[in-house]
Amino acid sequence: MQEEHAEILASIRDQAKRLLNDQATPEHLKSLLEAPASFDHVLWGHAVEQGWPSVGMTEQAGGLGLGWSGLGVLCEETGRVTASLPLMANAVVADALQQSATEQWLPLIEALTLGSKIACLALADPTDSGLSTSPSLVSTHGFLDGEKALAAFADVADVALVQAHSEQGIALFLVDLHQPGVQRMPHNSFDNARAAAVLCFKHVPGRLLGSVNEVLNVTSLAALACACEQVGGAQASLDLACKYARERRAFGQLIGSFQGIKHKLAEIYCLLEVARGCVSDALDAWDQDLPEKRQLASAARIAATKAYDYAAQECLHIHGGMGVTWEAMPHHHYRRSRTLALELGSLPYWRERLLSDIGLKTAHSQ
């Protein structure tokens, strides 16, 4: 059974590589960076045609039932070419709706599975990363007032899963973004290809989906999917750096023969392998619903962020002056690595999350 599952994932990876190599060309990717809140509608259409949004969804929801490891394959491949698709958001929101076990959500779950609707995660507050203590978005009797920080795909999403402060404390709400009172404010950002926008709400009704525990589960799942994307980007950065080191000559020899370059490449490889192992363990834990799944997701997020940050930065350095030119690819990965490192909370936040989860587990075991 495991061999069959691995073969299916390998087939999906191969299919994804072919599509992304054909569609996500360097010229096309650069065109998306030129305008705020750009979104690759054409690539999303192809992804929907090939059933990518359904890969990680359960069979009950009309998906392929390949679990989070199936979604991880697609996220890794999109990260490899710095493509931006709302696969993670759709899967995480659909999972949150399924966990609520309410039949009224079945049409929306099906739409997210088919890709006919797009979801976004608006979790961070403008003045904070992660679980904020400042009530910039407040729910009063089910109506939302305030704003959320710049969120990926918020400019094109149909629904948003938002974190707000309610009468009972921090909670998750599902919001239809086509309602009156919702304002989307796109910004010119470091990485314009992610259809990012600030969401403002003025007395907008939201449907309560859960409290702190659900918030922690959703953010952990989102971080894990993001870590898969970061691993793909780190691997691509390493490949770019190695290729250039084998071609570029300085002082009459290939720069790959210089000890300083070798050390950089070796360090990227080590960080990447650590991240890949952490991500693999976390994916298995979520697919098997193990008690330590949130801890492993936090560890994967930390390791993948460090690996992609270092890989993108050193890839750019190895390319020298060429690396910072518009025509070259290293700046694509540097932009994406910095964006993903902050999008769901910075490293200090995830270190605190990991320590908090470990502390909770220790307390419960005593």
Protein backbone atom coordinates (compact mmCIF):
# COMPACT_ATOMS: atom_id res chain seq x y z
CA MET A 1 0.00 0.00 0.00
CA GLN A 2 2.85 2.38 0.87
CA GLU A 3 4.62 1.58 -2.39
CA GLU A 4 1.45 2.32 -4.35
CA HIS A 5 1.03 5.62 -2.49
CA ALA A 6 4.66 6.55 -3.25
CA GLU A 7 4.18 5.75 -6.93
CA ILE A 8 1.09 7.97 -7.11
CA LEU A 9 2.96 10.85 -5.46
CA ALA A 10 5.89 10.38 -7.85
CA SER A 11 3.49 10.51 -10.79
CA ILE A 12 1.87 13.70 -9.45
CA ARG A 13 5.31 15.27 -8.93
CA ASP A 14 6.32 14.43 -12.50
CA GLN A 15 3.07 15.88 -13.89
CA ALA A 16 3.50 19.03 -11.80
CA LYS A 17 7.09 19.52 -12.98
CA ARG A 18 6.06 19.31 -16.62
CA LEU A 19 3.25 21.83 -16.23
CA LEU A 20 5.26 24.27 -14.13
CA ASN A 21 8.33 24.11 -16.38
CA ASP A 22 6.08 24.91 -19.32
CA GLN A 23 4.01 27.68 -17.72
CA ALA A 24 6.22 29.30 -15.06
CA THR A 25 8.91 30.63 -17.38
CA PRO A 26 11.33 33.29 -16.07
CA GLU A 27 9.82 35.90 -18.38
CA HIS A 28 6.29 35.15 -17.15
CA LEU A 29 7.36 35.20 -13.50
CA LYS A 30 9.00 38.59 -13.96
CA SER A 31 5.84 40.05 -15.48
CA LEU A 32 3.95 39.09 -12.31
CA LEU A 33 6.40 41.04 -10.16
CA GLU A 34 5.75 44.31 -11.96
CA ALA A 35 2.22 45.01 -10.66
CA PRO A 36 0.87 44.87 -7.07
CA ALA A 37 -1.34 41.90 -6.17
CA SER A 38 -0.63 39.98 -9.38
CA PHE A 39 -2.16 36.53 -9.69
CA ASP A 40 -1.41 33.84 -12.26
CA HIS A 41 -4.96 33.12 -13.40
CA VAL A 42 -3.75 31.03 -16.36
CA LEU A 43 -1.61 28.70 -14.25
CA TRP A 44 -4.39 28.39 -11.67
CA GLY A 45 -6.76 27.39 -14.47
CA HIS A 46 -4.36 24.66 -15.60
CA ALA A 47 -3.91 23.47 -12.01
CA VAL A 48 -7.68 23.24 -11.56
CA GLU A 49 -8.02 21.29 -14.83
CA GLN A 50 -5.46 18.77 -13.58
CA GLY A 51 -7.18 18.42 -10.21
CA TRP A 52 -4.43 19.86 -8.02
CA PRO A 53 -6.80 21.44 -5.44
CA SER A 54 -8.31 17.99 -4.80
CA VAL A 55 -5.04 16.09 -4.24
CA GLY A 56 -4.88 16.48 -0.46
CA MET A 57 -8.63 16.54 0.15
CA THR A 58 -10.43 13.54 1.62
CA GLU A 59 -12.47 11.25 -0.60
CA GLN A 60 -15.60 12.25 1.35
CA ALA A 61 -15.01 15.83 0.15
CA GLY A 62 -14.56 14.68 -3.45
CA GLY A 63 -10.76 14.70 -3.30
CA LEU A 64 -8.12 12.11 -4.13
CA GLY A 65 -7.47 11.30 -0.48
CA LEU A 66 -3.66 11.54 -0.70
CA GLY A 67 -3.43 13.51 2.53
CA TRP A 68 -1.07 16.30 3.45
CA SER A 69 1.85 14.46 1.87
CA GLY A 70 0.04 14.77 -1.48
CA LEU A 71 -0.44 18.50 -1.00
CA GLY A 72 3.19 18.74 0.14
CA VAL A 73 4.42 17.42 -3.21
CA LEU A 74 2.57 20.14 -5.10
CA CYS A 75 3.67 22.87 -2.69
CA GLU A 76 7.29 21.77 -3.06
CA GLU A 77 7.09 21.89 -6.84
CA THR A 78 5.48 25.35 -6.88
CA GLY A 79 8.20 26.52 -4.50
CA ARG A 80 10.84 25.17 -6.86
CA VAL A 81 9.81 27.62 -9.59
CA THR A 82 8.46 30.40 -7.30
CA ALA A 83 4.92 29.98 -8.64
CA SER A 84 2.09 31.25 -6.41
CA LEU A 85 -1.09 29.20 -6.15
CA PRO A 86 -3.67 29.10 -3.29
CA LEU A 87 -3.41 25.31 -2.91
CA MET A 88 -2.49 25.51 0.77
CA ALA A 89 -5.22 28.01 1.65
CA ASN A 90 -7.94 26.00 -0.10
CA ALA A 91 -6.86 22.77 1.60
CA VAL A 92 -6.53 24.29 5.09
CA VAL A 93 -9.89 26.08 4.91
CA ALA A 94 -11.64 22.98 3.55
CA ASP A 95 -10.13 20.91 6.37
CA ALA A 96 -11.31 23.44 8.98
CA LEU A 97 -14.82 23.30 7.53
CA GLN A 98 -14.80 19.50 7.59
CA GLN A 99 -13.70 19.48 11.22
CA SER A 100 -16.79 21.53 12.09
CA ALA A 101 -18.90 18.54 10.92
CA THR A 102 -21.72 20.78 9.66
CA GLU A 103 -23.54 19.83 6.46
CA GLN A 104 -24.13 23.47 5.49
CA TRP A 105 -20.45 23.71 4.51
CA LEU A 106 -20.55 20.83 2.01
CA PRO A 107 -21.15 23.05 -1.10
CA LEU A 108 -18.25 25.33 -0.14
CA ILE A 109 -15.96 22.37 0.63
CA GLU A 110 -16.78 20.95 -2.81
CA ALA A 111 -16.09 24.32 -4.47
CA LEU A 112 -12.71 24.59 -2.73
CA THR A 113 -11.90 21.00 -3.70
CA LEU A 114 -12.74 21.66 -7.34
CA GLY A 115 -10.92 25.00 -7.31
CA SER A 116 -13.99 26.93 -8.44
CA LYS A 117 -13.59 29.10 -5.32
CA ILE A 118 -10.39 30.50 -3.81
CA ALA A 119 -9.70 30.84 -0.10
CA CYS A 120 -7.15 32.88 1.81
CA LEU A 121 -5.83 32.86 5.37
CA ALA A 122 -5.93 36.24 7.11
CA LEU A 123 -4.40 35.34 10.45
CA ALA A 124 -1.82 38.01 11.31
CA ASP A 125 -2.64 41.45 12.70
CA PRO A 126 -1.02 44.58 11.19
CA THR A 127 1.15 45.19 14.26
CA ASP A 128 2.05 41.60 15.03
CA SER A 129 2.97 38.13 13.71
CA GLY A 130 1.12 35.06 14.87
CA LEU A 131 -1.35 35.11 17.77
CA SER A 132 -1.73 38.80 18.50
CA THR A 133 -2.78 40.27 21.82
CA SER A 134 -3.85 43.59 20.30
CA PRO A 135 -7.46 43.51 19.06
CA SER A 136 -7.05 44.97 15.56
CA LEU A 137 -9.93 42.74 14.40
CA VAL A 138 -12.80 42.29 16.83
CA SER A 139 -15.95 40.20 16.62
CA THR A 140 -18.99 41.52 18.44
CA HIS A 141 -22.08 39.28 18.35
CA GLY A 142 -20.75 37.65 15.16
CA PHE A 143 -19.94 40.89 13.29
CA LEU A 144 -16.31 41.74 12.44
CA ASP A 145 -14.76 45.21 12.66
CA GLY A 146 -11.11 46.05 12.01
CA GLU A 147 -8.40 44.84 9.65
CA LYS A 148 -5.90 42.06 9.08
CA ALA A 149 -2.31 42.35 7.84
CA LEU A 150 -1.32 41.77 4.23
CA ALA A 151 -2.50 38.24 3.36
CA ALA A 152 -1.57 36.14 0.35
CA PHE A 153 -4.36 35.72 -2.26
CA ALA A 154 -6.68 38.06 -0.35
CA ASP A 155 -7.12 40.18 -3.49
CA VAL A 156 -8.62 37.28 -5.48
CA ALA A 157 -10.16 35.10 -2.75
CA ASP A 158 -13.87 34.36 -2.41
CA VAL A 159 -13.70 33.45 1.28
CA ALA A 160 -11.25 34.12 4.09
CA LEU A 161 -10.46 32.30 7.28
CA VAL A 162 -9.68 35.07 9.76
CA GLN A 163 -8.45 35.18 13.33
CA ALA A 164 -10.28 37.68 15.51
CA HIS A 165 -10.84 38.58 19.14
CA SER A 166 -14.34 37.61 20.26
CA GLU A 167 -16.17 37.69 23.57
CA GLN A 168 -14.71 34.23 24.33
CA GLY A 169 -11.15 35.13 23.30
CA ILE A 170 -9.21 34.37 20.11
CA ALA A 171 -11.35 32.56 17.54
CA LEU A 172 -11.56 31.58 13.88
CA PHE A 173 -14.23 33.02 11.58
CA LEU A 174 -15.13 32.25 7.99
CA VAL A 175 -15.98 35.37 6.00
CA ASP A 176 -17.51 35.76 2.55
CA LEU A 177 -15.34 38.44 0.95
CA HIS A 178 -18.01 39.49 -1.54
CA GLN A 179 -20.20 40.98 1.20
CA PRO A 180 -20.76 44.70 1.71
CA GLY A 181 -18.37 46.11 4.27
CA VAL A 182 -15.32 44.18 3.05
CA GLN A 183 -12.54 46.26 1.56
CA ARG A 184 -9.41 44.84 -0.09
CA MET A 185 -6.36 47.06 -0.24
CA PRO A 186 -3.54 45.73 -2.47
CA HIS A 187 -0.02 46.98 -1.72
CA ASN A 188 3.14 47.17 -3.75
CA SER A 189 5.22 44.56 -1.93
CA PHE A 190 8.60 42.84 -2.13
CA ASP A 191 6.91 39.89 -3.88
CA ASN A 192 3.99 41.12 -5.99
CA ALA A 193 3.11 37.69 -7.42
CA ARG A 194 1.02 36.51 -4.45
CA ALA A 195 -2.17 38.57 -4.94
CA ALA A 196 -1.68 39.95 -1.43
CA ALA A 197 -3.97 42.55 0.09
CA VAL A 198 -4.93 44.02 3.45
CA LEU A 199 -8.49 43.08 4.42
CA CYS A 200 -10.65 45.67 6.19
CA PHE A 201 -14.00 44.78 7.73
CA LYS A 202 -16.79 47.13 8.75
CA HIS A 203 -19.58 45.32 10.59
CA VAL A 204 -19.22 42.22 8.40
CA PRO A 205 -20.92 38.97 9.51
CA GLY A 206 -18.57 36.03 10.06
CA ARG A 207 -19.31 32.39 10.91
CA LEU A 208 -17.52 31.08 14.00
CA LEU A 209 -15.48 27.94 13.28
CA GLY A 210 -13.50 27.42 16.47
CA SER A 211 -11.45 28.84 19.31
CA VAL A 212 -7.77 28.76 20.27
CA ASN A 213 -7.24 25.04 19.62
CA GLU A 214 -8.61 25.36 16.09
CA VAL A 215 -6.46 28.47 15.53
CA LEU A 216 -3.37 26.50 16.53
CA ASN A 217 -4.29 23.59 14.24
CA VAL A 218 -4.95 25.85 11.25
CA THR A 219 -1.74 27.83 11.68
CA SER A 220 0.28 24.62 12.12
CA LEU A 221 -1.14 23.12 8.95
CA ALA A 222 -0.53 26.32 7.00
CA ALA A 223 3.04 26.48 8.31
CA LEU A 224 3.66 22.88 7.29
CA ALA A 225 2.42 23.45 3.73
CA CYS A 226 4.53 26.61 3.59
CA ALA A 227 7.56 24.60 4.77
CA CYS A 228 7.08 22.26 1.80
CA GLU A 229 7.16 25.27 -0.50
CA GLN A 230 10.29 26.55 1.24
CA VAL A 231 12.05 23.19 0.80
CA GLY A 232 11.30 23.32 -2.93
CA GLY A 233 12.70 26.85 -3.13
CA ALA A 234 15.83 25.92 -1.16
CA GLN A 235 16.49 22.96 -3.46
CA ALA A 236 16.09 25.19 -6.53
CA SER A 237 18.46 27.78 -5.03
CA LEU A 238 21.05 25.07 -4.39
CA ASP A 239 20.68 23.78 -7.95
CA LEU A 240 21.08 27.30 -9.38
CA ALA A 241 24.17 27.95 -7.26
CA CYS A 242 25.80 24.62 -8.18
CA LYS A 243 25.12 25.14 -11.87
CA TYR A 244 26.66 28.61 -11.82
CA ALA A 245 29.66 27.41 -9.78
CA ARG A 246 30.37 24.78 -12.47
CA GLU A 247 30.21 27.36 -15.27
CA ARG A 248 31.65 30.62 -13.95
CA ARG A 249 35.43 31.10 -14.12
CA ALA A 250 37.54 33.49 -12.08
CA PHE A 251 41.33 33.71 -11.93
CA GLY A 252 41.54 31.03 -14.60
CA GLN A 253 39.48 28.35 -12.82
CA LEU A 254 35.90 27.43 -12.02
CA ILE A 255 34.60 29.22 -8.92
CA GLY A 256 33.23 25.89 -7.70
CA SER A 257 36.80 24.86 -6.94
CA PHE A 258 37.21 27.67 -4.38
CA GLN A 259 36.94 26.57 -0.78
CA GLY A 260 34.69 29.48 0.18
CA ILE A 261 32.15 28.50 -2.47
CA LYS A 262 32.31 24.83 -1.49
CA HIS A 263 31.60 25.70 2.13
CA LYS A 264 28.54 27.76 1.16
CA LEU A 265 27.13 24.96 -0.99
CA ALA A 266 27.79 22.34 1.69
CA GLU A 267 26.04 24.47 4.34
CA ILE A 268 22.99 24.93 2.07
CA TYR A 269 22.86 21.18 1.51
CA CYS A 270 23.05 20.41 5.25
CA LEU A 271 20.31 22.89 6.17
CA LEU A 272 18.15 21.61 3.31
CA GLU A 273 18.44 17.98 4.39
CA VAL A 274 17.55 18.86 7.98
CA ALA A 275 14.50 20.78 6.73
CA ARG A 276 13.48 17.97 4.41
CA GLY A 277 13.61 15.45 7.26
CA CYS A 278 11.58 17.72 9.58
CA VAL A 279 8.95 18.27 6.89
CA SER A 280 8.70 14.55 6.14
CA ASP A 281 8.20 13.72 9.83
CA ALA A 282 5.56 16.43 10.19
CA LEU A 283 3.63 15.31 7.10
CA ASP A 284 3.56 11.72 8.39
CA ALA A 285 2.39 12.94 11.80
CA TRP A 286 -0.53 14.91 10.35
CA ASP A 287 -1.53 12.09 8.01
CA GLN A 288 -1.52 9.68 10.98
CA ASP A 289 -3.00 12.26 13.42
CA LEU A 290 -0.20 11.76 15.95
CA PRO A 291 -0.27 13.71 19.27
CA GLU A 292 3.00 15.54 18.49
CA LYS A 293 1.86 16.76 15.05
CA ARG A 294 1.79 20.46 16.01
CA GLN A 295 5.27 20.30 17.51
CA LEU A 296 6.64 18.67 14.36
CA ALA A 297 4.92 21.26 12.16
CA SER A 298 6.58 24.06 14.16
CA ALA A 299 9.97 22.34 13.86
CA ALA A 300 9.47 21.93 10.10
CA ARG A 301 8.55 25.60 9.75
CA ILE A 302 11.68 26.69 11.64
CA ALA A 303 14.06 24.39 9.74
CA ALA A 304 12.57 25.18 6.32
CA THR A 305 12.65 28.94 6.93
CA LYS A 306 16.31 28.82 7.93
CA ALA A 307 17.20 26.60 4.95
CA TYR A 308 15.42 28.72 2.33
CA ASP A 309 16.64 32.02 3.75
CA TYR A 310 20.26 30.87 3.74
CA ALA A 311 20.02 29.10 0.37
CA ALA A 312 18.42 32.07 -1.42
CA GLN A 313 20.88 34.53 0.12
CA GLU A 314 24.00 32.48 -0.68
CA CYS A 315 22.75 31.63 -4.17
CA LEU A 316 22.55 35.36 -4.82
CA HIS A 317 26.05 35.90 -3.36
CA ILE A 318 27.58 33.08 -5.42
CA HIS A 319 26.19 34.68 -8.57
CA GLY A 320 27.86 37.95 -7.56
CA GLY A 321 26.73 41.08 -9.37
CA MET A 322 24.80 38.94 -11.87
CA GLY A 323 22.60 37.64 -9.06
CA VAL A 324 20.95 40.98 -8.34
CA THR A 325 20.10 41.82 -11.95
CA TRP A 326 16.47 41.72 -13.08
CA GLU A 327 17.27 39.14 -15.76
CA ALA A 328 18.72 36.54 -13.36
CA MET A 329 16.67 34.08 -11.27
CA PRO A 330 18.30 34.33 -7.80
CA HIS A 331 16.34 37.44 -6.85
CA HIS A 332 13.07 35.53 -7.42
CA HIS A 333 14.03 33.08 -4.70
CA TYR A 334 15.36 35.80 -2.42
CA ARG A 335 12.04 37.67 -2.71
CA ARG A 336 10.04 34.51 -2.08
CA SER A 337 12.21 33.33 0.81
CA ARG A 338 11.78 36.64 2.64
CA THR A 339 8.04 36.70 1.95
CA LEU A 340 7.39 33.15 3.15
CA ALA A 341 9.60 33.70 6.20
CA LEU A 342 7.21 36.39 7.47
CA GLU A 343 3.86 35.48 5.96
CA LEU A 344 2.69 33.14 8.73
CA GLY A 345 4.76 34.51 11.58
CA SER A 346 8.50 35.06 11.96
CA LEU A 347 11.06 32.61 13.36
CA PRO A 348 10.85 33.92 16.96
CA TYR A 349 7.10 33.33 16.93
CA TRP A 350 7.49 29.72 15.76
CA ARG A 351 10.24 29.06 18.28
CA GLU A 352 7.85 30.22 20.99
CA ARG A 353 5.13 28.01 19.53
CA LEU A 354 7.43 24.99 19.59
CA LEU A 355 8.53 25.62 23.16
CA SER A 356 4.93 26.20 24.21
CA ASP A 357 3.75 22.91 22.64
CA ILE A 358 6.64 21.01 24.25
CA GLY A 359 5.78 22.58 27.61
CA LEU A 360 2.13 21.66 27.28
CA LYS A 361 2.99 18.07 26.40
CA THR A 362 5.39 17.80 29.36
CA ALA A 363 2.78 19.22 31.74
CA HIS A 364 0.14 16.76 30.52
CA SER A 365 2.49 13.77 30.88
CA GLN A 366 3.31 14.55 34.52
